Amino acid sequence: MKYIDQIRIEKSDKNEYVGKNFSIGTRHIFGGHVLAQAILAAYDSVPEDRYLHSLHSYFILPGDQSVNIVYRVNEIRDGGSFSTRRVLAEQKGKVIFIMAASFQKEEQGYTHQDQSPQVAPPEEVQSFDEMKKKMYGFLPPVAKRLLEVEFPFEFKPLDLSNPMLPGKYEPRRDIYFKYRYDDSLSRPETDALLAYVSDYNLLSTAILPHEKATYENTIMASLDHAMWVFRPVDIQEWNLYSVNSPIARSARGFTTGSIYNLNGECVSRISQEGLIRPVTT
């Protein structure tokens, strides 16, 4: 089975879809998986000449990995240039996720952007696959469980910070990523996978400056996820994800991220607030 088949959805009724799920080593469904399937559901009702440019979403309940997810799409508006959709994701009759997304025709207009980070090119950076072979024996059980599942994306982190082990680091990271497989991808599938990978390496950045915080002693869960897409992206080539956490308070961490292609063009911006609650005994 191609990996992309695992996030594809099936239409069960008008504006209703069913998506399967799978484990990436976590107790509950990975938030990026639900996000990706919700995007595919929304895309199915949008005119073919319109593409995702922004979404805002909330994770309401943890997803049950043993139950399929039902996606219900509301067609809010189709204007001359923009289309707006709302998507509810449900399990056992309860809403676990809600998303509002906007789609736009391609248009010409003013263009500017911040400069991309000046970092080493991907060919000079060691892959995470190589790193995890070296550090696997030193990791706690929860971290090993996460690493035993093959990620659909290959990563090349530029930072030495490791949220799986105790330490005090700057609350930021730069990491290259690309999709592992040679699947033939449509524009909606590419955008869905971009959203999927944007949920990796995001919330964990918020625990980096806290010396005693690790995956083992911190409850972490995405509360929301916002994303803006500025241009098409080739996720089967290396892209740079630059993530920063400017603040954490009241057991919540806030993170932002920017994704750049190798030409230095900004592809997407992401923001997320998540639960980072210390485990108390």
C-alpha atoms as a PDB file:
ATOM      1  CA  MET A   1       0.000   0.000   0.000  1.00  0.00           C
ATOM      2  CA  LYS A   2       1.275   3.482  -0.854  1.00  0.00           C
ATOM      3  CA  TYR A   3       1.663   5.720   2.168  1.00  0.00           C
ATOM      4  CA  ILE A   4      -0.655   8.358   0.712  1.00  0.00           C
ATOM      5  CA  ASP A   5      -3.432   5.736   0.713  1.00  0.00           C
ATOM      6  CA  GLN A   6      -3.376   5.826   4.509  1.00  0.00           C
ATOM      7  CA  ILE A   7      -4.624   9.404   4.643  1.00  0.00           C
ATOM      8  CA  ARG A   8      -6.986   9.248   1.666  1.00  0.00           C
ATOM      9  CA  ILE A   9     -10.673   9.388   2.535  1.00  0.00           C
ATOM     10  CA  GLU A  10     -13.783   7.727   1.106  1.00  0.00           C
ATOM     11  CA  LYS A  11     -16.962   9.613   0.268  1.00  0.00           C
ATOM     12  CA  SER A  12     -19.927   8.084   2.111  1.00  0.00           C
ATOM     13  CA  ASP A  13     -22.616  10.686   1.336  1.00  0.00           C
ATOM     14  CA  LYS A  14     -22.923  14.244   0.046  1.00  0.00           C
ATOM     15  CA  ASN A  15     -20.288  16.269   1.906  1.00  0.00           C
ATOM     16  CA  GLU A  16     -19.570  13.308   4.204  1.00  0.00           C
ATOM     17  CA  TYR A  17     -16.365  11.272   4.220  1.00  0.00           C
ATOM     18  CA  VAL A  18     -14.763   8.452   6.193  1.00  0.00           C
ATOM     19  CA  GLY A  19     -11.070   8.310   7.027  1.00  0.00           C
ATOM     20  CA  LYS A  20      -9.044   5.500   8.535  1.00  0.00           C
ATOM     21  CA  ASN A  21      -6.220   6.073  10.971  1.00  0.00           C
ATOM     22  CA  PHE A  22      -2.974   4.446  12.009  1.00  0.00           C
ATOM     23  CA  SER A  23      -0.467   4.705  14.833  1.00  0.00           C
ATOM     24  CA  ILE A  24       2.783   6.663  14.779  1.00  0.00           C
ATOM     25  CA  GLY A  25       3.666   5.388  18.259  1.00  0.00           C
ATOM     26  CA  THR A  26       1.440   7.761  20.243  1.00  0.00           C
ATOM     27  CA  ARG A  27      -1.567   6.798  22.392  1.00  0.00           C
ATOM     28  CA  HIS A  28      -4.032   8.822  20.345  1.00  0.00           C
ATOM     29  CA  ILE A  29      -4.437   9.748  16.685  1.00  0.00           C
ATOM     30  CA  PHE A  30      -1.731  12.121  15.499  1.00  0.00           C
ATOM     31  CA  GLY A  31      -3.218  15.599  15.042  1.00  0.00           C
ATOM     32  CA  GLY A  32      -1.537  16.095  11.675  1.00  0.00           C
ATOM     33  CA  HIS A  33      -3.351  13.016  10.373  1.00  0.00           C
ATOM     34  CA  VAL A  34      -6.784  14.442  11.214  1.00  0.00           C
ATOM     35  CA  LEU A  35      -5.740  17.805   9.802  1.00  0.00           C
ATOM     36  CA  ALA A  36      -4.631  16.232   6.508  1.00  0.00           C
ATOM     37  CA  GLN A  37      -7.847  14.255   6.058  1.00  0.00           C
ATOM     38  CA  ALA A  38      -9.984  17.295   6.888  1.00  0.00           C
ATOM     39  CA  ILE A  39      -8.168  19.245   4.162  1.00  0.00           C
ATOM     40  CA  LEU A  40      -8.861  16.487   1.618  1.00  0.00           C
ATOM     41  CA  ALA A  41     -12.545  16.481   2.610  1.00  0.00           C
ATOM     42  CA  ALA A  42     -12.797  20.259   2.199  1.00  0.00           C
ATOM     43  CA  TYR A  43     -10.967  20.202  -1.148  1.00  0.00           C
ATOM     44  CA  ASP A  44     -13.479  17.736  -2.598  1.00  0.00           C
ATOM     45  CA  SER A  45     -16.263  20.350  -2.596  1.00  0.00           C
ATOM     46  CA  VAL A  46     -14.161  23.280  -3.855  1.00  0.00           C
ATOM     47  CA  PRO A  47     -13.877  24.366  -7.532  1.00  0.00           C
ATOM     48  CA  GLU A  48     -10.771  22.819  -9.108  1.00  0.00           C
ATOM     49  CA  ASP A  49      -9.112  26.190  -9.785  1.00  0.00           C
ATOM     50  CA  ARG A  50      -8.995  27.140  -6.066  1.00  0.00           C
ATOM     51  CA  TYR A  51      -6.292  26.142  -3.635  1.00  0.00           C
ATOM     52  CA  LEU A  52      -5.916  26.172   0.132  1.00  0.00           C
ATOM     53  CA  HIS A  53      -4.436  29.426   1.422  1.00  0.00           C
ATOM     54  CA  SER A  54      -5.382  29.342   5.110  1.00  0.00           C
ATOM     55  CA  LEU A  55      -6.965  27.220   7.804  1.00  0.00           C
ATOM     56  CA  HIS A  56      -7.774  27.571  11.482  1.00  0.00           C
ATOM     57  CA  SER A  57      -8.582  24.507  13.548  1.00  0.00           C
ATOM     58  CA  TYR A  58      -9.189  23.209  17.076  1.00  0.00           C
ATOM     59  CA  PHE A  59      -8.567  19.767  18.526  1.00  0.00           C
ATOM     60  CA  ILE A  60     -11.556  19.110  20.790  1.00  0.00           C
ATOM     61  CA  LEU A  61     -11.092  15.503  21.974  1.00  0.00           C
ATOM     62  CA  PRO A  62      -8.301  12.915  21.687  1.00  0.00           C
ATOM     63  CA  GLY A  63      -8.828  10.652  18.677  1.00  0.00           C
ATOM     64  CA  ASP A  64      -9.438   6.915  19.177  1.00  0.00           C
ATOM     65  CA  GLN A  65      -7.106   4.904  16.932  1.00  0.00           C
ATOM     66  CA  SER A  66      -9.515   1.935  16.817  1.00  0.00           C
ATOM     67  CA  VAL A  67     -12.403   3.921  15.275  1.00  0.00           C
ATOM     68  CA  ASN A  68     -12.745   5.462  11.806  1.00  0.00           C
ATOM     69  CA  ILE A  69     -13.229   9.223  11.579  1.00  0.00           C
ATOM     70  CA  VAL A  70     -16.278  10.785   9.908  1.00  0.00           C
ATOM     71  CA  TYR A  71     -15.732  14.174   8.251  1.00  0.00           C
ATOM     72  CA  ARG A  72     -18.701  16.450   7.555  1.00  0.00           C
ATOM     73  CA  VAL A  73     -18.174  19.439   5.263  1.00  0.00           C
ATOM     74  CA  ASN A  74     -20.256  22.617   5.289  1.00  0.00           C
ATOM     75  CA  GLU A  75     -20.054  24.713   2.126  1.00  0.00           C
ATOM     76  CA  ILE A  76     -20.088  28.170   3.711  1.00  0.00           C
ATOM     77  CA  ARG A  77     -19.499  30.326   0.634  1.00  0.00           C
ATOM     78  CA  ASP A  78     -18.211  30.344  -2.942  1.00  0.00           C
ATOM     79  CA  GLY A  79     -17.364  33.879  -4.064  1.00  0.00           C
ATOM     80  CA  GLY A  80     -15.717  35.224  -7.176  1.00  0.00           C
ATOM     81  CA  SER A  81     -12.204  34.410  -5.927  1.00  0.00           C
ATOM     82  CA  PHE A  82     -12.534  32.662  -2.560  1.00  0.00           C
ATOM     83  CA  SER A  83     -14.318  29.589  -1.200  1.00  0.00           C
ATOM     84  CA  THR A  84     -14.878  28.955   2.510  1.00  0.00           C
ATOM     85  CA  ARG A  85     -15.487  25.555   4.097  1.00  0.00           C
ATOM     86  CA  ARG A  86     -16.057  24.246   7.601  1.00  0.00           C
ATOM     87  CA  VAL A  87     -15.177  20.655   8.477  1.00  0.00           C
ATOM     88  CA  LEU A  88     -16.215  18.685  11.561  1.00  0.00           C
ATOM     89  CA  ALA A  89     -14.413  15.436  12.415  1.00  0.00           C
ATOM     90  CA  GLU A  90     -16.439  12.995  14.503  1.00  0.00           C
ATOM     91  CA  GLN A  91     -15.983   9.685  16.299  1.00  0.00           C
ATOM     92  CA  LYS A  92     -18.784   7.818  18.084  1.00  0.00           C
ATOM     93  CA  GLY A  93     -21.107  10.766  17.433  1.00  0.00           C
ATOM     94  CA  LYS A  94     -18.817  13.292  19.151  1.00  0.00           C
ATOM     95  CA  VAL A  95     -16.886  16.103  17.483  1.00  0.00           C
ATOM     96  CA  ILE A  96     -13.146  15.630  18.023  1.00  0.00           C
ATOM     97  CA  PHE A  97     -11.893  18.361  15.661  1.00  0.00           C
ATOM     98  CA  ILE A  98     -13.189  21.441  13.849  1.00  0.00           C
ATOM     99  CA  MET A  99     -11.596  23.361  10.982  1.00  0.00           C
ATOM    100  CA  ALA A 100     -12.405  26.449   8.936  1.00  0.00           C
ATOM    101  CA  ALA A 101     -10.492  26.680   5.653  1.00  0.00           C
ATOM    102  CA  SER A 102     -10.325  29.195   2.818  1.00  0.00           C
ATOM    103  CA  PHE A 103      -9.405  28.520  -0.812  1.00  0.00           C
ATOM    104  CA  GLN A 104      -8.448  31.048  -3.483  1.00  0.00           C
ATOM    105  CA  LYS A 105      -7.886  31.262  -7.222  1.00  0.00           C
ATOM    106  CA  GLU A 106      -4.289  32.002  -8.214  1.00  0.00           C
ATOM    107  CA  GLU A 107      -3.865  35.770  -8.641  1.00  0.00           C
ATOM    108  CA  GLN A 108      -1.072  38.231  -9.447  1.00  0.00           C
ATOM    109  CA  GLY A 109      -0.308  40.900  -6.856  1.00  0.00           C
ATOM    110  CA  TYR A 110       2.299  42.547  -4.629  1.00  0.00           C
ATOM    111  CA  THR A 111       5.047  40.275  -3.307  1.00  0.00           C
ATOM    112  CA  HIS A 112       7.497  40.527  -0.395  1.00  0.00           C
ATOM    113  CA  GLN A 113       8.785  38.291   2.395  1.00  0.00           C
ATOM    114  CA  ASP A 114      11.307  38.088   5.235  1.00  0.00           C
ATOM    115  CA  GLN A 115      14.672  36.576   4.418  1.00  0.00           C
ATOM    116  CA  SER A 116      14.927  32.837   4.994  1.00  0.00           C
ATOM    117  CA  PRO A 117      17.293  31.557   7.728  1.00  0.00           C
ATOM    118  CA  GLN A 118      20.933  31.316   6.684  1.00  0.00           C
ATOM    119  CA  VAL A 119      21.780  27.707   7.497  1.00  0.00           C
ATOM    120  CA  ALA A 120      23.834  24.845   6.077  1.00  0.00           C
ATOM    121  CA  PRO A 121      22.382  23.141   2.967  1.00  0.00           C
ATOM    122  CA  PRO A 122      20.691  19.746   3.481  1.00  0.00           C
ATOM    123  CA  GLU A 123      23.506  17.763   1.858  1.00  0.00           C
ATOM    124  CA  GLU A 124      25.783  18.898   4.709  1.00  0.00           C
ATOM    125  CA  VAL A 125      23.370  17.890   7.490  1.00  0.00           C
ATOM    126  CA  GLN A 126      23.099  14.446   9.073  1.00  0.00           C
ATOM    127  CA  SER A 127      19.705  12.755   8.773  1.00  0.00           C
ATOM    128  CA  PHE A 128      17.609  11.939  11.820  1.00  0.00           C
ATOM    129  CA  ASP A 129      17.553   8.299  10.671  1.00  0.00           C
ATOM    130  CA  GLU A 130      21.332   8.199  11.164  1.00  0.00           C
ATOM    131  CA  MET A 131      21.122  10.043  14.485  1.00  0.00           C
ATOM    132  CA  LYS A 132      18.516   7.737  15.996  1.00  0.00           C
ATOM    133  CA  LYS A 133      20.620   4.639  15.282  1.00  0.00           C
ATOM    134  CA  LYS A 134      23.379   6.129  17.427  1.00  0.00           C
ATOM    135  CA  MET A 135      21.207   7.349  20.311  1.00  0.00           C
ATOM    136  CA  TYR A 136      18.525   4.613  20.382  1.00  0.00           C
ATOM    137  CA  GLY A 137      20.151   2.651  23.209  1.00  0.00           C
ATOM    138  CA  PHE A 138      20.282   5.705  25.469  1.00  0.00           C
ATOM    139  CA  LEU A 139      16.625   6.720  25.123  1.00  0.00           C
ATOM    140  CA  PRO A 140      13.721   6.131  27.546  1.00  0.00           C
ATOM    141  CA  PRO A 141      10.993   3.618  26.532  1.00  0.00           C
ATOM    142  CA  VAL A 142       8.472   6.257  25.426  1.00  0.00           C
ATOM    143  CA  ALA A 143      11.005   7.766  23.038  1.00  0.00           C
ATOM    144  CA  LYS A 144      11.971   4.355  21.652  1.00  0.00           C
ATOM    145  CA  ARG A 145       8.320   3.602  20.931  1.00  0.00           C
ATOM    146  CA  LEU A 146       8.029   6.782  18.869  1.00  0.00           C
ATOM    147  CA  LEU A 147      11.172   5.976  16.906  1.00  0.00           C
ATOM    148  CA  GLU A 148      10.170   2.397  16.060  1.00  0.00           C
ATOM    149  CA  VAL A 149       7.558   3.681  13.596  1.00  0.00           C
ATOM    150  CA  GLU A 150       8.886   4.799  10.217  1.00  0.00           C
ATOM    151  CA  PHE A 151       7.898   8.414   9.658  1.00  0.00           C
ATOM    152  CA  PRO A 152       6.509   9.234   6.199  1.00  0.00           C
ATOM    153  CA  PHE A 153       8.983  12.121   6.116  1.00  0.00           C
ATOM    154  CA  GLU A 154      12.750  12.151   6.382  1.00  0.00           C
ATOM    155  CA  PHE A 155      14.185  14.813   8.694  1.00  0.00           C
ATOM    156  CA  LYS A 156      17.555  16.533   8.943  1.00  0.00           C
ATOM    157  CA  PRO A 157      17.727  18.658  12.128  1.00  0.00           C
ATOM    158  CA  LEU A 158      20.261  21.474  12.232  1.00  0.00           C
ATOM    159  CA  ASP A 159      20.104  21.759  16.014  1.00  0.00           C
ATOM    160  CA  LEU A 160      21.553  19.497  18.688  1.00  0.00           C
ATOM    161  CA  SER A 161      18.588  19.986  21.035  1.00  0.00           C
ATOM    162  CA  ASN A 162      16.834  16.737  21.926  1.00  0.00           C
ATOM    163  CA  PRO A 163      13.394  16.908  23.617  1.00  0.00           C
ATOM    164  CA  MET A 164      13.621  13.162  24.325  1.00  0.00           C
ATOM    165  CA  LEU A 165      16.431  13.734  26.831  1.00  0.00           C
ATOM    166  CA  PRO A 166      16.714  16.296  29.667  1.00  0.00           C
ATOM    167  CA  GLY A 167      18.530  19.504  28.828  1.00  0.00           C
ATOM    168  CA  LYS A 168      18.122  23.251  28.562  1.00  0.00           C
ATOM    169  CA  TYR A 169      18.024  24.613  25.033  1.00  0.00           C
ATOM    170  CA  GLU A 170      16.864  27.670  23.146  1.00  0.00           C
ATOM    171  CA  PRO A 171      13.129  27.376  22.266  1.00  0.00           C
ATOM    172  CA  ARG A 172      13.748  27.178  18.546  1.00  0.00           C
ATOM    173  CA  ARG A 173      14.854  24.667  15.918  1.00  0.00           C
ATOM    174  CA  ASP A 174      15.551  24.472  12.211  1.00  0.00           C
ATOM    175  CA  ILE A 175      14.936  21.180  10.472  1.00  0.00           C
ATOM    176  CA  TYR A 176      14.866  20.001   6.876  1.00  0.00           C
ATOM    177  CA  PHE A 177      12.152  17.600   5.774  1.00  0.00           C
ATOM    178  CA  LYS A 178      11.017  15.781   2.653  1.00  0.00           C
ATOM    179  CA  TYR A 179       8.447  13.106   1.858  1.00  0.00           C
ATOM    180  CA  ARG A 180      10.087   9.667   1.715  1.00  0.00           C
ATOM    181  CA  TYR A 181       8.101   8.082  -1.077  1.00  0.00           C
ATOM    182  CA  ASP A 182       7.757   8.538  -4.831  1.00  0.00           C
ATOM    183  CA  ASP A 183       3.931   8.527  -4.727  1.00  0.00           C
ATOM    184  CA  SER A 184       2.234  10.552  -7.454  1.00  0.00           C
ATOM    185  CA  LEU A 185       0.593  13.415  -5.553  1.00  0.00           C
ATOM    186  CA  SER A 186      -2.164  15.846  -6.530  1.00  0.00           C
ATOM    187  CA  ARG A 187      -2.142  19.461  -5.320  1.00  0.00           C
ATOM    188  CA  PRO A 188      -4.763  18.695  -2.609  1.00  0.00           C
ATOM    189  CA  GLU A 189      -2.725  15.700  -1.425  1.00  0.00           C
ATOM    190  CA  THR A 190       0.446  17.789  -1.368  1.00  0.00           C
ATOM    191  CA  ASP A 191      -1.258  20.473   0.740  1.00  0.00           C
ATOM    192  CA  ALA A 192      -2.653  17.781   3.053  1.00  0.00           C
ATOM    193  CA  LEU A 193       0.796  16.258   3.552  1.00  0.00           C
ATOM    194  CA  LEU A 194       2.285  19.712   4.129  1.00  0.00           C
ATOM    195  CA  ALA A 195      -0.219  20.214   6.953  1.00  0.00           C
ATOM    196  CA  TYR A 196       0.589  16.728   8.239  1.00  0.00           C
ATOM    197  CA  VAL A 197       4.325  17.380   8.501  1.00  0.00           C
ATOM    198  CA  SER A 198       3.765  20.867   9.944  1.00  0.00           C
ATOM    199  CA  ASP A 199       2.516  19.184  13.137  1.00  0.00           C
ATOM    200  CA  TYR A 200       5.857  17.411  13.617  1.00  0.00           C
ATOM    201  CA  ASN A 201       8.606  19.171  15.624  1.00  0.00           C
ATOM    202  CA  LEU A 202       6.234  21.994  16.561  1.00  0.00           C
ATOM    203  CA  LEU A 203       4.819  21.703  20.081  1.00  0.00           C
ATOM    204  CA  SER A 204       7.899  19.888  21.397  1.00  0.00           C
ATOM    205  CA  THR A 205       9.875  23.083  20.715  1.00  0.00           C
ATOM    206  CA  ALA A 206       8.012  24.690  23.631  1.00  0.00           C
ATOM    207  CA  ILE A 207       9.614  22.367  26.198  1.00  0.00           C
ATOM    208  CA  LEU A 208      13.199  22.861  25.001  1.00  0.00           C
ATOM    209  CA  PRO A 209      14.108  25.686  27.452  1.00  0.00           C
ATOM    210  CA  HIS A 210      12.774  23.714  30.436  1.00  0.00           C
ATOM    211  CA  GLU A 211      15.664  21.623  31.682  1.00  0.00           C
ATOM    212  CA  LYS A 212      13.661  18.837  33.343  1.00  0.00           C
ATOM    213  CA  ALA A 213      10.931  18.569  30.707  1.00  0.00           C
ATOM    214  CA  THR A 214      10.926  15.439  28.506  1.00  0.00           C
ATOM    215  CA  TYR A 215       8.380  13.354  26.603  1.00  0.00           C
ATOM    216  CA  GLU A 216       8.196  11.049  29.641  1.00  0.00           C
ATOM    217  CA  ASN A 217       7.252  13.634  32.270  1.00  0.00           C
ATOM    218  CA  THR A 218       5.202  16.100  30.220  1.00  0.00           C
ATOM    219  CA  ILE A 219       1.681  15.678  28.864  1.00  0.00           C
ATOM    220  CA  MET A 220       1.669  17.241  25.404  1.00  0.00           C
ATOM    221  CA  ALA A 221      -1.331  17.695  23.114  1.00  0.00           C
ATOM    222  CA  SER A 222      -2.159  20.131  20.320  1.00  0.00           C
ATOM    223  CA  LEU A 223      -5.008  22.497  21.195  1.00  0.00           C
ATOM    224  CA  ASP A 224      -5.249  24.339  17.884  1.00  0.00           C
ATOM    225  CA  HIS A 225      -3.438  24.673  14.563  1.00  0.00           C
ATOM    226  CA  ALA A 226      -3.419  27.542  12.084  1.00  0.00           C
ATOM    227  CA  MET A 227      -1.699  27.442   8.715  1.00  0.00           C
ATOM    228  CA  TRP A 228      -1.219  29.759   5.754  1.00  0.00           C
ATOM    229  CA  VAL A 229      -0.054  28.492   2.351  1.00  0.00           C
ATOM    230  CA  PHE A 230       1.610  31.079   0.102  1.00  0.00           C
ATOM    231  CA  ARG A 231       2.800  29.047  -2.868  1.00  0.00           C
ATOM    232  CA  PRO A 232       2.884  25.481  -4.200  1.00  0.00           C
ATOM    233  CA  VAL A 233       5.481  23.247  -2.575  1.00  0.00           C
ATOM    234  CA  ASP A 234       7.375  20.169  -3.706  1.00  0.00           C
ATOM    235  CA  ILE A 235       7.398  18.028  -0.563  1.00  0.00           C
ATOM    236  CA  GLN A 236       9.419  15.337  -2.318  1.00  0.00           C
ATOM    237  CA  GLU A 237      12.369  17.756  -2.246  1.00  0.00           C
ATOM    238  CA  TRP A 238      14.031  19.220   0.847  1.00  0.00           C
ATOM    239  CA  ASN A 239      12.260  22.110   2.588  1.00  0.00           C
ATOM    240  CA  LEU A 240      13.345  23.981   5.719  1.00  0.00           C
ATOM    241  CA  TYR A 241      11.031  24.223   8.751  1.00  0.00           C
ATOM    242  CA  SER A 242      12.093  27.012  11.125  1.00  0.00           C
ATOM    243  CA  VAL A 243      10.219  26.808  14.457  1.00  0.00           C
ATOM    244  CA  ASN A 244      10.171  29.133  17.464  1.00  0.00           C
ATOM    245  CA  SER A 245       8.333  29.165  20.795  1.00  0.00           C
ATOM    246  CA  PRO A 246       8.144  32.769  22.070  1.00  0.00           C
ATOM    247  CA  ILE A 247       6.086  32.030  25.196  1.00  0.00           C
ATOM    248  CA  ALA A 248       4.743  29.311  27.477  1.00  0.00           C
ATOM    249  CA  ARG A 249       2.394  29.883  30.392  1.00  0.00           C
ATOM    250  CA  SER A 250      -0.431  28.212  32.319  1.00  0.00           C
ATOM    251  CA  ALA A 251       0.541  24.744  31.026  1.00  0.00           C
ATOM    252  CA  ARG A 252       0.267  25.993  27.429  1.00  0.00           C
ATOM    253  CA  GLY A 253       3.059  26.458  24.929  1.00  0.00           C
ATOM    254  CA  PHE A 254       2.778  28.713  21.881  1.00  0.00           C
ATOM    255  CA  THR A 255       4.820  27.970  18.774  1.00  0.00           C
ATOM    256  CA  THR A 256       5.191  29.440  15.308  1.00  0.00           C
ATOM    257  CA  GLY A 257       6.874  28.028  12.238  1.00  0.00           C
ATOM    258  CA  SER A 258       7.899  29.059   8.734  1.00  0.00           C
ATOM    259  CA  ILE A 259       8.539  26.666   5.860  1.00  0.00           C
ATOM    260  CA  TYR A 260      10.949  27.617   3.066  1.00  0.00           C
ATOM    261  CA  ASN A 261      11.961  25.851  -0.126  1.00  0.00           C
ATOM    262  CA  LEU A 262      15.627  25.635  -1.127  1.00  0.00           C
ATOM    263  CA  ASN A 263      15.271  28.833  -3.161  1.00  0.00           C
ATOM    264  CA  GLY A 264      14.559  30.673   0.100  1.00  0.00           C
ATOM    265  CA  GLU A 265      10.904  31.261  -0.809  1.00  0.00           C
ATOM    266  CA  CYS A 266       8.428  31.123   2.069  1.00  0.00           C
ATOM    267  CA  VAL A 267       5.947  28.348   1.360  1.00  0.00           C
ATOM    268  CA  SER A 268       3.877  28.401   4.545  1.00  0.00           C
ATOM    269  CA  ARG A 269       3.503  29.870   8.048  1.00  0.00           C
ATOM    270  CA  ILE A 270       2.125  27.914  10.986  1.00  0.00           C
ATOM    271  CA  SER A 271       1.067  28.730  14.539  1.00  0.00           C
ATOM    272  CA  GLN A 272      -0.059  26.416  17.293  1.00  0.00           C
ATOM    273  CA  GLU A 273      -0.904  26.471  20.976  1.00  0.00           C
ATOM    274  CA  GLY A 274      -0.662  23.205  22.853  1.00  0.00           C
ATOM    275  CA  LEU A 275      -0.899  21.659  26.271  1.00  0.00           C
ATOM    276  CA  ILE A 276       2.496  21.124  27.952  1.00  0.00           C
ATOM    277  CA  ARG A 277       1.472  19.975  31.431  1.00  0.00           C
ATOM    278  CA  PRO A 278       4.128  18.638  33.817  1.00  0.00           C
ATOM    279  CA  VAL A 279       3.237  15.219  35.203  1.00  0.00           C
ATOM    280  CA  THR A 280       2.851  15.389  38.981  1.00  0.00           C
ATOM    281  CA  THR A 281       3.109  12.335  41.212  1.00  0.00           C
END
